[in-house]
Protein backbone atom coordinates (compact mmCIF):
# COMPACT_ATOMS: atom_id res chain seq x y z
CA UNK A 1 0.13 -0.05 -0.12
CA UNK A 2 1.24 3.42 -0.93
CA UNK A 3 0.16 4.38 2.79
CA UNK A 4 0.86 2.12 5.33
CA UNK A 5 -1.22 2.31 8.80
CA UNK A 6 1.48 3.40 10.43
CA UNK A 7 1.66 6.48 8.37
CA UNK A 8 -2.24 6.62 8.82
CA UNK A 9 -2.17 6.16 12.51
CA UNK A 10 1.11 8.11 13.27
CA UNK A 11 1.67 11.16 10.44
CA UNK A 12 -1.84 12.04 8.67
CA UNK A 13 -4.18 11.76 11.69
CA UNK A 14 -2.56 13.53 13.92
CA UNK A 15 -1.74 16.42 11.18
CA UNK A 16 -5.34 15.99 10.32
CA UNK A 17 -6.22 16.66 13.94
CA UNK A 18 -4.07 19.22 14.67
CA UNK A 19 -5.79 21.27 11.08
CA UNK A 20 -8.66 20.64 12.61
CA UNK A 21 -8.07 22.70 15.96
CA UNK A 22 -7.09 25.67 13.86
CA UNK A 23 -10.16 25.75 11.32
CA UNK A 24 -13.61 26.84 11.84
CA UNK A 25 -16.49 26.37 12.41
CA UNK A 26 -15.72 23.60 14.78
CA UNK A 27 -17.77 20.27 14.64
CA UNK A 28 -20.19 19.72 17.65
CA UNK A 29 -18.74 17.75 20.74
CA UNK A 30 -20.83 14.72 19.59
CA UNK A 31 -20.05 14.74 15.89
CA UNK A 32 -16.39 15.07 17.40
CA UNK A 33 -16.85 11.91 19.82
CA UNK A 34 -18.90 9.98 17.04
CA UNK A 35 -16.05 10.48 14.54
CA UNK A 36 -13.47 9.36 16.92
CA UNK A 37 -15.36 6.18 18.15
CA UNK A 38 -15.92 5.53 14.56
CA UNK A 39 -12.29 5.78 13.29
CA UNK A 40 -10.68 3.78 15.97
CA UNK A 41 -13.43 1.01 14.92
CA UNK A 42 -12.35 1.18 11.53
CA UNK A 43 -8.69 1.24 12.13
CA UNK A 44 -9.00 -1.48 14.57
CA UNK A 45 -10.54 -3.58 12.05
CA UNK A 46 -7.95 -2.91 9.04
CA UNK A 47 -4.95 -3.83 11.60
CA UNK A 48 -6.62 -6.61 14.08
CA UNK A 49 -8.87 -8.43 11.02
CA UNK A 50 -7.85 -7.36 7.07
CA UNK A 51 -3.97 -7.33 7.42
CA UNK A 52 -3.03 -10.79 9.30
CA UNK A 53 -6.04 -12.24 7.16
CA UNK A 54 -4.56 -10.68 4.13
CA UNK A 55 -1.14 -12.17 4.65
CA UNK A 56 -2.63 -15.26 5.43
CA UNK A 57 -4.15 -15.30 2.06
CA UNK A 58 -1.26 -14.40 0.45
CA UNK A 59 1.13 -16.98 2.16
CA UNK A 60 -1.33 -19.66 0.92
CA UNK A 61 -1.90 -18.52 -2.64
CA UNK A 62 1.51 -17.83 -3.48
CA UNK A 63 2.55 -20.83 -1.80
CA UNK A 64 1.35 -22.59 -5.02
CA UNK A 65 -0.99 -25.08 -5.61
CA UNK A 66 1.67 -28.03 -4.98
CA UNK A 67 1.63 -26.94 -1.44
CA UNK A 68 -2.02 -27.23 -0.63
CA UNK A 69 -4.14 -29.56 1.29
CA UNK A 70 -7.74 -29.20 1.55
CA UNK A 71 -7.43 -27.28 5.20
CA UNK A 72 -5.11 -25.25 3.66
CA UNK A 73 -6.98 -24.15 0.35
CA UNK A 74 -10.15 -23.17 2.76
CA UNK A 75 -8.68 -21.11 4.93
CA UNK A 76 -6.77 -19.08 2.11
CA UNK A 77 -10.02 -18.88 0.02
CA UNK A 78 -11.96 -17.57 3.54
CA UNK A 79 -8.94 -15.35 4.72
CA UNK A 80 -8.83 -13.65 1.11
CA UNK A 81 -13.06 -13.39 1.39
CA UNK A 82 -13.46 -12.06 4.79
CA UNK A 83 -10.45 -9.76 4.67
CA UNK A 84 -12.05 -8.03 1.33
CA UNK A 85 -15.08 -7.25 3.33
CA UNK A 86 -13.42 -6.28 6.09
CA UNK A 87 -11.32 -4.14 3.73
CA UNK A 88 -14.48 -2.45 2.35
CA UNK A 89 -15.86 -1.66 5.78
CA UNK A 90 -12.82 -0.04 7.69
CA UNK A 91 -12.29 2.12 4.61
CA UNK A 92 -15.51 3.70 5.45
CA UNK A 93 -15.55 3.73 9.00
CA UNK A 94 -12.44 5.57 8.88
CA UNK A 95 -13.54 7.62 6.07
CA UNK A 96 -16.72 8.53 7.90
CA UNK A 97 -15.41 8.89 11.26
CA UNK A 98 -12.41 11.42 9.65
CA UNK A 99 -14.93 13.17 8.15
CA UNK A 100 -17.14 13.65 11.03
CA UNK A 101 -13.98 14.87 12.89
CA UNK A 102 -13.76 17.76 10.47
CA UNK A 103 -17.39 18.82 10.63
CA UNK A 104 -18.59 16.90 7.79
CA UNK A 105 -20.70 14.28 6.58
CA UNK A 106 -19.73 11.34 3.39
CA UNK A 107 -22.50 10.83 1.16
CA UNK A 108 -24.49 8.05 1.50
CA UNK A 109 -24.14 6.94 -1.48
CA UNK A 110 -20.67 7.18 -1.14
CA UNK A 111 -20.95 5.22 2.49
CA UNK A 112 -23.02 2.36 1.16
CA UNK A 113 -20.64 1.75 -1.73
CA UNK A 114 -17.28 1.45 0.63
CA UNK A 115 -19.79 -0.96 2.96
CA UNK A 116 -20.95 -3.29 0.17
CA UNK A 117 -24.63 -2.20 0.53
CA UNK A 118 -25.20 -0.24 -2.42
CA UNK A 119 -24.02 -3.57 -4.14
CA UNK A 120 -25.98 -5.86 -2.01
CA UNK A 121 -29.09 -3.60 -0.48
CA UNK A 122 -28.27 -5.34 2.95
CA UNK A 123 -29.03 -8.91 1.78
CA UNK A 124 -26.77 -11.64 3.00
CA UNK A 125 -27.51 -13.87 -0.24
CA UNK A 126 -26.27 -11.00 -2.49
CA UNK A 127 -23.20 -10.09 -0.11
CA UNK A 128 -22.26 -13.32 0.15
CA UNK A 129 -22.14 -14.14 -3.69
CA UNK A 130 -20.66 -10.53 -3.85
CA UNK A 131 -18.18 -11.73 -1.63
CA UNK A 132 -16.98 -14.71 -3.68
CA UNK A 133 -16.47 -13.55 -7.13
CA UNK A 134 -14.36 -10.81 -5.06
CA UNK A 135 -12.46 -13.60 -3.69
CA UNK A 136 -11.80 -15.40 -6.80
CA UNK A 137 -10.65 -12.21 -8.40
CA UNK A 138 -8.12 -11.59 -5.67
CA UNK A 139 -7.16 -15.32 -6.19
CA UNK A 140 -6.65 -14.60 -9.82
CA UNK A 141 -4.42 -11.43 -8.75
CA UNK A 142 -2.23 -13.32 -6.26
CA UNK A 143 -1.86 -16.31 -8.03
CA UNK A 144 -1.20 -14.20 -11.38
CA UNK A 145 -2.59 -17.28 -13.19
CA UNK A 146 -5.68 -18.68 -14.10
CA UNK A 147 -4.70 -22.61 -13.93
CA UNK A 148 -3.08 -21.86 -10.32
CA UNK A 149 -5.94 -20.35 -9.35
CA UNK A 150 -8.32 -23.30 -10.71
CA UNK A 151 -5.87 -25.80 -9.11
CA UNK A 152 -6.82 -23.73 -5.74
CA UNK A 153 -10.37 -24.19 -6.05
CA UNK A 154 -10.33 -27.91 -6.95
CA UNK A 155 -8.13 -28.16 -3.96
CA UNK A 156 -11.24 -27.15 -1.91
CA UNK A 157 -12.74 -30.12 -2.57
CA UNK A 158 -10.30 -32.76 -3.83
CA UNK A 159 -8.03 -33.19 -1.54
CA UNK A 160 -4.65 -33.24 -3.36
CA UNK A 161 -1.58 -35.92 -2.76
CA UNK A 162 0.00 -35.33 0.37
CA UNK A 163 3.60 -34.25 -0.01
CA UNK A 164 6.36 -32.75 2.64
CA UNK A 165 5.05 -29.32 0.94
CA UNK A 166 1.65 -29.97 1.65
CA UNK A 167 2.55 -30.97 5.24
CA UNK A 168 5.00 -28.19 5.87
CA UNK A 169 2.39 -25.53 4.38
CA UNK A 170 -0.39 -27.00 6.50
CA UNK A 171 2.05 -26.47 9.76
CA UNK A 172 2.61 -22.79 8.58
CA UNK A 173 -0.67 -21.91 8.14
CA UNK A 174 -2.35 -23.82 11.25
CA UNK A 175 0.63 -21.87 13.35
CA UNK A 176 0.91 -18.37 14.50
CA UNK A 177 -3.11 -17.93 15.74
CA UNK A 178 -3.93 -17.63 12.01
CA UNK A 179 -6.89 -20.41 12.56
CA UNK A 180 -7.71 -18.34 15.55
CA UNK A 181 -7.81 -15.00 14.09
CA UNK A 182 -10.02 -16.60 11.18
CA UNK A 183 -12.62 -17.69 13.06
CA UNK A 184 -12.54 -14.61 14.91
CA UNK A 185 -13.25 -12.62 11.83
CA UNK A 186 -16.07 -15.28 10.48
CA UNK A 187 -17.89 -14.50 13.93
CA UNK A 188 -17.64 -10.74 13.32
CA UNK A 189 -18.89 -11.07 9.41
CA UNK A 190 -21.76 -13.00 10.84
CA UNK A 191 -22.50 -11.83 14.68
CA UNK A 192 -21.63 -8.35 14.71
CA UNK A 193 -24.11 -5.46 13.22
CA UNK A 194 -22.75 -2.58 11.19
CA UNK A 195 -20.70 0.13 12.47
CA UNK A 196 -23.10 2.92 11.10
CA UNK A 197 -25.90 0.81 13.07
CA UNK A 198 -23.73 -0.14 15.95
CA UNK A 199 -22.79 3.54 16.85
CA UNK A 200 -26.21 5.14 15.62
CA UNK A 201 -27.31 5.33 19.33
CA UNK A 202 -24.78 6.87 21.38
CA UNK A 203 -23.86 5.09 24.68
CA UNK A 204 -20.42 5.00 26.84
CA UNK A 205 -20.07 1.48 26.24
CA UNK A 206 -19.70 1.43 23.05
CA UNK A 207 -17.31 4.26 23.02
CA UNK A 208 -15.50 2.02 25.31
CA UNK A 209 -15.26 -0.86 23.05
CA UNK A 210 -14.24 1.24 20.27
CA UNK A 211 -11.38 2.68 22.20
CA UNK A 212 -10.33 -0.67 23.62
CA UNK A 213 -10.26 -1.94 19.68
CA UNK A 214 -8.21 0.80 19.01
CA UNK A 215 -5.41 0.51 21.87
CA UNK A 216 -5.11 -3.39 21.36
CA UNK A 217 -4.35 -2.43 17.29
CA UNK A 218 -2.12 0.47 18.18
CA UNK A 219 -0.12 -2.06 20.47
CA UNK A 220 -0.24 -4.99 17.73
CA UNK A 221 0.77 -2.33 15.22
CA UNK A 222 3.52 -1.07 17.29
CA UNK A 223 4.68 -4.70 18.16
CA UNK A 224 4.81 -5.60 14.68
CA UNK A 225 7.17 -2.53 13.63
CA UNK A 226 10.59 -2.68 12.50
CA UNK A 227 13.36 -2.61 15.05
CA UNK A 228 15.40 0.77 14.97
CA UNK A 229 18.66 -0.20 13.42
C-alpha cells in the first residue's frame, strides 16, 4: 500500500487533527466523539482483521498449488473473502469518522458503496455472492495465473496428494494464531452489526469498545513495527 497503517496512524491522523483545531467552524462535541469512535473501530478492523487475514491469504496463494491441502485451500480462500469485506467496511469507517471529526459528512451513496450495501442492499445472500466473486478475482490477482487459481479452487473439494510441501505449508498456516484470527473474523462477520448501525445510538459502553479496539490495534501495530537499526 502506498499509505501504510503506520503512516495513517502516526502521521496523517495527527496532522489532520491539528489542522482541525485551527479550522472553523468546529464540529459539535457529539459529532467529534462519534467521528473518533467510528475511526477507532475502522482502524481496529484494518489492523486486527484485514492485515493478518490478507497475509494469511497471500501465504497460501503464493505457496503454489503443489503445497495445498484441503484445509489450507479453504483457509486461504476464506481469509481472502473475509479480508476483502472488512477492508471495505474499515475504509468506510475511517473515512466517515475522519469526515465527522472535521465537521462534515460523507455522502450516503459513498458510504453504502464503501460498505458494499449499495451493491447488496443489505441482503446476506447478495453479500455472500459478491464476496465469493471478489475472492476469486483476488485469487487471480494473487496467483497471476488462471491455472493456479483453478487448482486452488479444486483443492478445496478434492484432496491433493500429500507431500512434504503440503505438510510444511499446513503447519505454517495453522500456526501463529491464523486459525484463531480467521474464526474470530468469521464470527464478527456473522454476528456483529454494521458500524453505522452500532454507533447510531450513542452510549458510553460503545465508546469503550471502540477505544479498547483501537488500543489493541495500536499495540499490535507497534509490536510488528520494524526495529530501529
